[in-house]
């Protein structure tokens, strides 16, 4: 049991040392990397704006479609009404 405690402590300490080495400081990004990052950020913002515009356009088109469908139902009701009046007038 004593050896188990010693070995487990050594493994824990070794793991801690390895993790500290892996997580250490990273080198400063180059100017080229910063430029690419800025271009990617700009492209992402542009895509998000375009997405918002397209969503707004879709909402507008769906609203127009609903209005047109309502108009169509009204006109179809008028046609039915006119046909009934014509049939009643012809009899």
PDB file of N, CA and C in Angstrom:
ATOM      1  N   UNK A   1       0.823  -1.185   0.000  1.00  0.00           N
ATOM      2  CA  UNK A   1       0.000   0.000   0.000  1.00  0.00           C
ATOM      3  C   UNK A   1       0.867   1.247   0.000  1.00  0.00           C
ATOM      4  N   UNK A   2       1.999   1.162   0.697  1.00  0.00           N
ATOM      5  CA  UNK A   2       2.906   2.296   0.777  1.00  0.00           C
ATOM      6  C   UNK A   2       3.482   2.617  -0.598  1.00  0.00           C
ATOM      7  N   UNK A   3       3.818   1.592  -1.340  1.00  0.00           N
ATOM      8  CA  UNK A   3       4.356   1.799  -2.681  1.00  0.00           C
ATOM      9  C   UNK A   3       3.297   2.384  -3.617  1.00  0.00           C
ATOM     10  N   UNK A   4       2.077   1.975  -3.415  1.00  0.00           N
ATOM     11  CA  UNK A   4       0.977   2.489  -4.237  1.00  0.00           C
ATOM     12  C   UNK A   4       0.830   3.998  -4.048  1.00  0.00           C
ATOM     13  N   UNK A   5       0.911   4.462  -2.805  1.00  0.00           N
ATOM     14  CA  UNK A   5       0.807   5.894  -2.529  1.00  0.00           C
ATOM     15  C   UNK A   5       1.979   6.649  -3.152  1.00  0.00           C
ATOM     16  N   UNK A   6       3.153   6.124  -3.058  1.00  0.00           N
ATOM     17  CA  UNK A   6       4.343   6.775  -3.614  1.00  0.00           C
ATOM     18  C   UNK A   6       4.236   6.851  -5.139  1.00  0.00           C
ATOM     19  N   UNK A   7       3.858   5.745  -5.752  1.00  0.00           N
ATOM     20  CA  UNK A   7       3.748   5.701  -7.213  1.00  0.00           C
ATOM     21  C   UNK A   7       2.628   6.631  -7.693  1.00  0.00           C
ATOM     22  N   UNK A   8       1.497   6.639  -7.016  1.00  0.00           N
ATOM     23  CA  UNK A   8       0.401   7.510  -7.435  1.00  0.00           C
ATOM     24  C   UNK A   8       0.782   8.981  -7.289  1.00  0.00           C
ATOM     25  N   UNK A   9       1.536   9.328  -6.233  1.00  0.00           N
ATOM     26  CA  UNK A   9       1.999  10.713  -6.064  1.00  0.00           C
ATOM     27  C   UNK A   9       2.988  11.093  -7.163  1.00  0.00           C
ATOM     28  N   UNK A  10       3.893  10.188  -7.500  1.00  0.00           N
ATOM     29  CA  UNK A  10       4.862  10.454  -8.568  1.00  0.00           C
ATOM     30  C   UNK A  10       4.141  10.655  -9.915  1.00  0.00           C
ATOM     31  N   UNK A  11       3.139   9.836 -10.173  1.00  0.00           N
ATOM     32  CA  UNK A  11       2.373   9.968 -11.418  1.00  0.00           C
ATOM     33  C   UNK A  11       1.634  11.301 -11.428  1.00  0.00           C
ATOM     34  N   UNK A  12       1.059  11.674 -10.315  1.00  0.00           N
ATOM     35  CA  UNK A  12       0.337  12.941 -10.217  1.00  0.00           C
ATOM     36  C   UNK A  12       1.281  14.119 -10.431  1.00  0.00           C
ATOM     37  N   UNK A  13       2.436  14.100  -9.805  1.00  0.00           N
ATOM     38  CA  UNK A  13       3.416  15.178  -9.967  1.00  0.00           C
ATOM     39  C   UNK A  13       3.925  15.215 -11.401  1.00  0.00           C
ATOM     40  N   UNK A  14       4.215  14.044 -11.969  1.00  0.00           N
ATOM     41  CA  UNK A  14       4.680  13.986 -13.360  1.00  0.00           C
ATOM     42  C   UNK A  14       3.633  14.534 -14.326  1.00  0.00           C
ATOM     43  N   UNK A  15       2.380  14.196 -14.105  1.00  0.00           N
ATOM     44  CA  UNK A  15       1.301  14.694 -14.944  1.00  0.00           C
ATOM     45  C   UNK A  15       1.199  16.213 -14.832  1.00  0.00           C
ATOM     46  N   UNK A  16       1.319  16.736 -13.609  1.00  0.00           N
ATOM     47  CA  UNK A  16       1.250  18.175 -13.392  1.00  0.00           C
ATOM     48  C   UNK A  16       2.387  18.886 -14.128  1.00  0.00           C
ATOM     49  N   UNK A  17       3.594  18.356 -14.052  1.00  0.00           N
ATOM     50  CA  UNK A  17       4.758  18.961 -14.714  1.00  0.00           C
ATOM     51  C   UNK A  17       4.564  18.939 -16.229  1.00  0.00           C
ATOM     52  N   UNK A  18       4.084  17.831 -16.771  1.00  0.00           N
ATOM     53  CA  UNK A  18       3.844  17.740 -18.220  1.00  0.00           C
ATOM     54  C   UNK A  18       2.788  18.733 -18.675  1.00  0.00           C
ATOM     55  N   UNK A  19       1.726  18.869 -17.900  1.00  0.00           N
ATOM     56  CA  UNK A  19       0.662  19.793 -18.276  1.00  0.00           C
ATOM     57  C   UNK A  19       1.157  21.237 -18.240  1.00  0.00           C
ATOM     58  N   UNK A  20       1.986  21.568 -17.253  1.00  0.00           N
ATOM     59  CA  UNK A  20       2.536  22.925 -17.190  1.00  0.00           C
ATOM     60  C   UNK A  20       3.405  23.203 -18.405  1.00  0.00           C
ATOM     61  N   UNK A  21       4.123  22.234 -18.853  1.00  0.00           N
ATOM     62  CA  UNK A  21       4.974  22.408 -20.034  1.00  0.00           C
ATOM     63  C   UNK A  21       4.162  22.586 -21.308  1.00  0.00           C
ATOM     64  N   UNK A  22       3.033  21.883 -21.394  1.00  0.00           N
ATOM     65  CA  UNK A  22       2.202  21.983 -22.600  1.00  0.00           C
ATOM     66  C   UNK A  22       1.407  23.277 -22.642  1.00  0.00           C
ATOM     67  N   UNK A  23       1.052  23.803 -21.498  1.00  0.00           N
ATOM     68  CA  UNK A  23       0.185  24.965 -21.433  1.00  0.00           C
ATOM     69  C   UNK A  23       1.009  26.250 -21.395  1.00  0.00           C
ATOM     70  N   UNK A  24       2.281  26.173 -21.478  1.00  0.00           N
ATOM     71  CA  UNK A  24       3.137  27.346 -21.373  1.00  0.00           C
ATOM     72  C   UNK A  24       2.793  28.427 -22.378  1.00  0.00           C
ATOM     73  N   UNK A  25       3.546  29.481 -22.355  1.00  0.00           N
ATOM     74  CA  UNK A  25       3.295  30.633 -23.226  1.00  0.00           C
ATOM     75  C   UNK A  25       3.423  30.234 -24.691  1.00  0.00           C
ATOM     76  N   UNK A  26       2.596  30.838 -25.516  1.00  0.00           N
ATOM     77  CA  UNK A  26       2.665  30.603 -26.949  1.00  0.00           C
ATOM     78  C   UNK A  26       3.405  31.763 -27.583  1.00  0.00           C
ATOM     79  N   UNK A  27       4.006  31.548 -28.730  1.00  0.00           N
ATOM     80  CA  UNK A  27       4.716  32.640 -29.379  1.00  0.00           C
ATOM     81  C   UNK A  27       3.732  33.705 -29.866  1.00  0.00           C
ATOM     82  N   UNK A  28       4.212  34.929 -29.973  1.00  0.00           N
ATOM     83  CA  UNK A  28       3.392  36.042 -30.436  1.00  0.00           C
ATOM     84  C   UNK A  28       3.012  35.796 -31.894  1.00  0.00           C
ATOM     85  N   UNK A  29       1.741  36.043 -32.257  1.00  0.00           N
ATOM     86  CA  UNK A  29       1.333  35.815 -33.650  1.00  0.00           C
ATOM     87  C   UNK A  29       2.035  36.802 -34.581  1.00  0.00           C
ATOM     88  N   UNK A  30       2.320  36.315 -35.777  1.00  0.00           N
ATOM     89  CA  UNK A  30       2.996  37.167 -36.753  1.00  0.00           C
ATOM     90  C   UNK A  30       2.009  38.162 -37.345  1.00  0.00           C
ATOM     91  N   UNK A  31       2.558  39.153 -38.041  1.00  0.00           N
ATOM     92  CA  UNK A  31       1.722  40.170 -38.682  1.00  0.00           C
ATOM     93  C   UNK A  31       0.819  39.526 -39.736  1.00  0.00           C
ATOM     94  N   UNK A  32       1.339  38.525 -40.425  1.00  0.00           N
ATOM     95  CA  UNK A  32       0.546  37.828 -41.446  1.00  0.00           C
ATOM     96  C   UNK A  32      -0.631  37.092 -40.805  1.00  0.00           C
ATOM     97  N   UNK A  33      -0.390  36.456 -39.670  1.00  0.00           N
ATOM     98  CA  UNK A  33      -1.465  35.757 -38.967  1.00  0.00           C
ATOM     99  C   UNK A  33      -2.516  36.730 -38.468  1.00  0.00           C
ATOM    100  N   UNK A  34      -2.071  37.884 -37.955  1.00  0.00           N
ATOM    101  CA  UNK A  34      -3.018  38.907 -37.515  1.00  0.00           C
ATOM    102  C   UNK A  34      -3.860  39.426 -38.674  1.00  0.00           C
ATOM    103  N   UNK A  35      -3.218  39.603 -39.832  1.00  0.00           N
ATOM    104  CA  UNK A  35      -3.937  40.082 -41.015  1.00  0.00           C
ATOM    105  C   UNK A  35      -4.974  39.057 -41.474  1.00  0.00           C
ATOM    106  N   UNK A  36      -4.591  37.788 -41.471  1.00  0.00           N
ATOM    107  CA  UNK A  36      -5.541  36.738 -41.855  1.00  0.00           C
ATOM    108  C   UNK A  36      -6.697  36.663 -40.869  1.00  0.00           C
ATOM    109  N   UNK A  37      -6.384  36.842 -39.584  1.00  0.00           N
ATOM    110  CA  UNK A  37      -7.427  36.836 -38.562  1.00  0.00           C
ATOM    111  C   UNK A  37      -8.391  38.003 -38.771  1.00  0.00           C
ATOM    112  N   UNK A  38      -7.855  39.172 -39.091  1.00  0.00           N
ATOM    113  CA  UNK A  38      -8.696  40.344 -39.344  1.00  0.00           C
ATOM    114  C   UNK A  38      -9.560  40.137 -40.597  1.00  0.00           C
ATOM    115  N   UNK A  39      -8.982  39.543 -41.627  1.00  0.00           N
ATOM    116  CA  UNK A  39      -9.750  39.258 -42.850  1.00  0.00           C
ATOM    117  C   UNK A  39     -10.873  38.263 -42.552  1.00  0.00           C
ATOM    118  N   UNK A  40     -10.576  37.255 -41.751  1.00  0.00           N
ATOM    119  CA  UNK A  40     -11.596  36.261 -41.407  1.00  0.00           C
ATOM    120  C   UNK A  40     -12.703  36.907 -40.584  1.00  0.00           C
ATOM    121  N   UNK A  41     -12.326  37.786 -39.646  1.00  0.00           N
ATOM    122  CA  UNK A  41     -13.323  38.479 -38.827  1.00  0.00           C
ATOM    123  C   UNK A  41     -14.200  39.374 -39.701  1.00  0.00           C
ATOM    124  N   UNK A  42     -13.560  40.066 -40.631  1.00  0.00           N
ATOM    125  CA  UNK A  42     -14.297  40.943 -41.537  1.00  0.00           C
ATOM    126  C   UNK A  42     -15.258  40.135 -42.413  1.00  0.00           C
ATOM    127  N   UNK A  43     -14.785  39.004 -42.906  1.00  0.00           N
ATOM    128  CA  UNK A  43     -15.635  38.155 -43.738  1.00  0.00           C
ATOM    129  C   UNK A  43     -16.806  37.601 -42.926  1.00  0.00           C
ATOM    130  N   UNK A  44     -16.555  37.246 -41.679  1.00  0.00           N
ATOM    131  CA  UNK A  44     -17.628  36.726 -40.827  1.00  0.00           C
ATOM    132  C   UNK A  44     -18.672  37.808 -40.561  1.00  0.00           C
ATOM    133  N   UNK A  45     -18.219  39.024 -40.282  1.00  0.00           N
ATOM    134  CA  UNK A  45     -19.162  40.120 -40.050  1.00  0.00           C
ATOM    135  C   UNK A  45     -19.988  40.414 -41.300  1.00  0.00           C
ATOM    136  N   UNK A  46     -19.333  40.375 -42.454  1.00  0.00           N
ATOM    137  CA  UNK A  46     -20.030  40.602 -43.712  1.00  0.00           C
ATOM    138  C   UNK A  46     -21.080  39.524 -43.954  1.00  0.00           C
ATOM    139  N   UNK A  47     -20.718  38.291 -43.678  1.00  0.00           N
ATOM    140  CA  UNK A  47     -21.661  37.181 -43.856  1.00  0.00           C
ATOM    141  C   UNK A  47     -22.839  37.308 -42.889  1.00  0.00           C
ATOM    142  N   UNK A  48     -22.566  37.742 -41.668  1.00  0.00           N
ATOM    143  CA  UNK A  48     -23.650  37.922 -40.698  1.00  0.00           C
ATOM    144  C   UNK A  48     -24.596  39.042 -41.133  1.00  0.00           C
ATOM    145  N   UNK A  49     -24.043  40.142 -41.674  1.00  0.00           N
ATOM    146  CA  UNK A  49     -24.896  41.227 -42.176  1.00  0.00           C
ATOM    147  C   UNK A  49     -25.749  40.742 -43.345  1.00  0.00           C
ATOM    148  N   UNK A  50     -25.135  39.990 -44.245  1.00  0.00           N
ATOM    149  CA  UNK A  50     -25.866  39.465 -45.396  1.00  0.00           C
ATOM    150  C   UNK A  50     -26.972  38.521 -44.929  1.00  0.00           C
ATOM    151  N   UNK A  51     -26.680  37.703 -43.946  1.00  0.00           N
ATOM    152  CA  UNK A  51     -27.678  36.784 -43.396  1.00  0.00           C
ATOM    153  C   UNK A  51     -28.846  37.564 -42.803  1.00  0.00           C
ATOM    154  N   UNK A  52     -28.549  38.624 -42.064  1.00  0.00           N
ATOM    155  CA  UNK A  52     -29.615  39.440 -41.474  1.00  0.00           C
ATOM    156  C   UNK A  52     -30.468  40.089 -42.567  1.00  0.00           C
ATOM    157  N   UNK A  53     -29.816  40.579 -43.629  1.00  0.00           N
ATOM    158  CA  UNK A  53     -30.558  41.179 -44.747  1.00  0.00           C
ATOM    159  C   UNK A  53     -31.466  40.140 -45.407  1.00  0.00           C
ATOM    160  N   UNK A  54     -30.931  38.952 -45.635  1.00  0.00           N
ATOM    161  CA  UNK A  54     -31.715  37.907 -46.289  1.00  0.00           C
ATOM    162  C   UNK A  54     -32.871  37.443 -45.414  1.00  0.00           C
ATOM    163  N   UNK A  55     -32.652  37.384 -44.103  1.00  0.00           N
ATOM    164  CA  UNK A  55     -33.755  37.012 -43.209  1.00  0.00           C
ATOM    165  C   UNK A  55     -34.854  38.072 -43.243  1.00  0.00           C
ATOM    166  N   UNK A  56     -34.442  39.346 -43.266  1.00  0.00           N
ATOM    167  CA  UNK A  56     -35.429  40.424 -43.333  1.00  0.00           C
ATOM    168  C   UNK A  56     -36.192  40.361 -44.663  1.00  0.00           C
ATOM    169  N   UNK A  57     -35.463  40.115 -45.746  1.00  0.00           N
ATOM    170  CA  UNK A  57     -36.117  40.001 -47.053  1.00  0.00           C
ATOM    171  C   UNK A  57     -37.092  38.821 -47.059  1.00  0.00           C
ATOM    172  N   UNK A  58     -36.695  37.716 -46.451  1.00  0.00           N
ATOM    173  CA  UNK A  58     -37.575  36.544 -46.379  1.00  0.00           C
ATOM    174  C   UNK A  58     -38.849  36.873 -45.605  1.00  0.00           C
ATOM    175  N   UNK A  59     -38.698  37.584 -44.484  1.00  0.00           N
ATOM    176  CA  UNK A  59     -39.869  37.960 -43.701  1.00  0.00           C
ATOM    177  C   UNK A  59     -40.800  38.857 -44.520  1.00  0.00           C
ATOM    178  N   UNK A  60     -40.209  39.797 -45.257  1.00  0.00           N
ATOM    179  CA  UNK A  60     -41.018  40.673 -46.105  1.00  0.00           C
ATOM    180  C   UNK A  60     -41.759  39.879 -47.183  1.00  0.00           C
ATOM    181  N   UNK A  61     -41.051  38.944 -47.808  1.00  0.00           N
ATOM    182  CA  UNK A  61     -41.674  38.136 -48.860  1.00  0.00           C
ATOM    183  C   UNK A  61     -42.772  37.239 -48.292  1.00  0.00           C
ATOM    184  N   UNK A  62     -42.550  36.678 -47.110  1.00  0.00           N
ATOM    185  CA  UNK A  62     -43.584  35.853 -46.492  1.00  0.00           C
ATOM    186  C   UNK A  62     -44.814  36.689 -46.155  1.00  0.00           C
ATOM    187  N   UNK A  63     -44.584  37.926 -45.728  1.00  0.00           N
ATOM    188  CA  UNK A  63     -45.696  38.823 -45.437  1.00  0.00           C
ATOM    189  C   UNK A  63     -46.472  39.145 -46.712  1.00  0.00           C
ATOM    190  N   UNK A  64     -45.739  39.439 -47.781  1.00  0.00           N
ATOM    191  CA  UNK A  64     -46.387  39.706 -49.073  1.00  0.00           C
ATOM    192  C   UNK A  64     -47.171  38.488 -49.550  1.00  0.00           C
ATOM    193  N   UNK A  65     -46.592  37.305 -49.367  1.00  0.00           N
ATOM    194  CA  UNK A  65     -47.266  36.081 -49.776  1.00  0.00           C
ATOM    195  C   UNK A  65     -48.575  35.910 -49.014  1.00  0.00           C
ATOM    196  N   UNK A  66     -48.537  36.167 -47.721  1.00  0.00           N
ATOM    197  CA  UNK A  66     -49.766  36.056 -46.918  1.00  0.00           C
ATOM    198  C   UNK A  66     -50.824  37.031 -47.418  1.00  0.00           C
ATOM    199  N   UNK A  67     -50.409  38.255 -47.730  1.00  0.00           N
ATOM    200  CA  UNK A  67     -51.355  39.248 -48.251  1.00  0.00           C
ATOM    201  C   UNK A  67     -51.941  38.806 -49.586  1.00  0.00           C
ATOM    202  N   UNK A  68     -51.089  38.305 -50.450  1.00  0.00           N
ATOM    203  CA  UNK A  68     -51.551  37.855 -51.777  1.00  0.00           C
ATOM    204  C   UNK A  68     -52.490  36.659 -51.650  1.00  0.00           C
ATOM    205  N   UNK A  69     -52.195  35.747 -50.724  1.00  0.00           N
ATOM    206  CA  UNK A  69     -53.077  34.601 -50.522  1.00  0.00           C
ATOM    207  C   UNK A  69     -54.441  35.051 -50.001  1.00  0.00           C
ATOM    208  N   UNK A  70     -54.434  36.057 -49.117  1.00  0.00           N
ATOM    209  CA  UNK A  70     -55.699  36.586 -48.606  1.00  0.00           C
ATOM    210  C   UNK A  70     -56.493  37.234 -49.736  1.00  0.00           C
ATOM    211  N   UNK A  71     -55.801  37.992 -50.591  1.00  0.00           N
ATOM    212  CA  UNK A  71     -56.470  38.607 -51.748  1.00  0.00           C
ATOM    213  C   UNK A  71     -57.043  37.537 -52.670  1.00  0.00           C
ATOM    214  N   UNK A  72     -56.283  36.479 -52.894  1.00  0.00           N
ATOM    215  CA  UNK A  72     -56.740  35.394 -53.752  1.00  0.00           C
ATOM    216  C   UNK A  72     -58.007  34.758 -53.187  1.00  0.00           C
ATOM    217  N   UNK A  73     -58.034  34.510 -51.892  1.00  0.00           N
ATOM    218  CA  UNK A  73     -59.230  33.932 -51.283  1.00  0.00           C
ATOM    219  C   UNK A  73     -60.427  34.877 -51.445  1.00  0.00           C
ATOM    220  N   UNK A  74     -60.186  36.176 -51.307  1.00  0.00           N
ATOM    221  CA  UNK A  74     -61.274  37.140 -51.491  1.00  0.00           C
ATOM    222  C   UNK A  74     -61.799  37.107 -52.919  1.00  0.00           C
ATOM    223  N   UNK A  75     -60.891  37.078 -53.876  1.00  0.00           N
ATOM    224  CA  UNK A  75     -61.298  37.055 -55.281  1.00  0.00           C
ATOM    225  C   UNK A  75     -62.013  35.750 -55.636  1.00  0.00           C
ATOM    226  N   UNK A  76     -61.536  34.645 -55.080  1.00  0.00           N
ATOM    227  CA  UNK A  76     -62.206  33.374 -55.336  1.00  0.00           C
ATOM    228  C   UNK A  76     -63.625  33.398 -54.757  1.00  0.00           C
ATOM    229  N   UNK A  77     -63.776  34.012 -53.586  1.00  0.00           N
ATOM    230  CA  UNK A  77     -65.114  34.130 -52.981  1.00  0.00           C
ATOM    231  C   UNK A  77     -66.010  35.016 -53.857  1.00  0.00           C
ATOM    232  N   UNK A  78     -65.439  36.085 -54.422  1.00  0.00           N
ATOM    233  CA  UNK A  78     -66.209  36.954 -55.322  1.00  0.00           C
ATOM    234  C   UNK A  78     -66.653  36.201 -56.571  1.00  0.00           C
ATOM    235  N   UNK A  79     -65.755  35.364 -57.098  1.00  0.00           N
ATOM    236  CA  UNK A  79     -66.085  34.592 -58.302  1.00  0.00           C
ATOM    237  C   UNK A  79     -67.234  33.639 -58.004  1.00  0.00           C
ATOM    238  N   UNK A  80     -67.144  32.950 -56.877  1.00  0.00           N
ATOM    239  CA  UNK A  80     -68.216  32.029 -56.496  1.00  0.00           C
ATOM    240  C   UNK A  80     -69.526  32.793 -56.340  1.00  0.00           C
ATOM    241  N   UNK A  81     -69.470  33.935 -55.689  1.00  0.00           N
ATOM    242  CA  UNK A  81     -70.663  34.760 -55.486  1.00  0.00           C
ATOM    243  C   UNK A  81     -71.246  35.221 -56.820  1.00  0.00           C
ATOM    244  N   UNK A  82     -70.377  35.667 -57.729  1.00  0.00           N
ATOM    245  CA  UNK A  82     -70.857  36.114 -59.043  1.00  0.00           C
ATOM    246  C   UNK A  82     -71.466  34.962 -59.844  1.00  0.00           C
ATOM    247  N   UNK A  83     -70.857  33.771 -59.766  1.00  0.00           N
ATOM    248  CA  UNK A  83     -71.411  32.616 -60.470  1.00  0.00           C
ATOM    249  C   UNK A  83     -72.793  32.276 -59.931  1.00  0.00           C
ATOM    250  N   UNK A  84     -72.949  32.333 -58.609  1.00  0.00           N
ATOM    251  CA  UNK A  84     -74.253  32.044 -58.013  1.00  0.00           C
ATOM    252  C   UNK A  84     -75.292  33.070 -58.463  1.00  0.00           C
ATOM    253  N   UNK A  85     -74.889  34.343 -58.526  1.00  0.00           N
ATOM    254  CA  UNK A  85     -75.810  35.398 -58.975  1.00  0.00           C
ATOM    255  C   UNK A  85     -76.187  35.201 -60.443  1.00  0.00           C
ATOM    256  N   UNK A  86     -75.206  34.798 -61.277  1.00  0.00           N
ATOM    257  CA  UNK A  86     -75.493  34.571 -62.696  1.00  0.00           C
ATOM    258  C   UNK A  86     -76.456  33.417 -62.856  1.00  0.00           C
ATOM    259  N   UNK A  87     -76.246  32.320 -62.098  1.00  0.00           N
ATOM    260  CA  UNK A  87     -77.122  31.168 -62.180  1.00  0.00           C
ATOM    261  C   UNK A  87     -78.536  31.534 -61.697  1.00  0.00           C
ATOM    262  N   UNK A  88     -78.619  32.310 -60.666  1.00  0.00           N
ATOM    263  CA  UNK A  88     -79.931  32.734 -60.161  1.00  0.00           C
ATOM    264  C   UNK A  88     -80.609  33.664 -61.153  1.00  0.00           C
ATOM    265  N   UNK A  89     -79.868  34.494 -61.818  1.00  0.00           N
ATOM    266  CA  UNK A  89     -80.424  35.442 -62.794  1.00  0.00           C
ATOM    267  C   UNK A  89     -80.866  34.700 -64.067  1.00  0.00           C
ATOM    268  N   UNK A  90     -80.140  33.668 -64.486  1.00  0.00           N
ATOM    269  CA  UNK A  90     -80.467  32.924 -65.691  1.00  0.00           C
ATOM    270  C   UNK A  90     -81.679  32.002 -65.485  1.00  0.00           C
ATOM    271  N   UNK A  91     -82.023  31.685 -64.297  1.00  0.00           N
ATOM    272  CA  UNK A  91     -83.136  30.761 -64.071  1.00  0.00           C
ATOM    273  C   UNK A  91     -84.405  31.486 -64.020  1.00  0.00           C
TER     274      UNK A  91
END
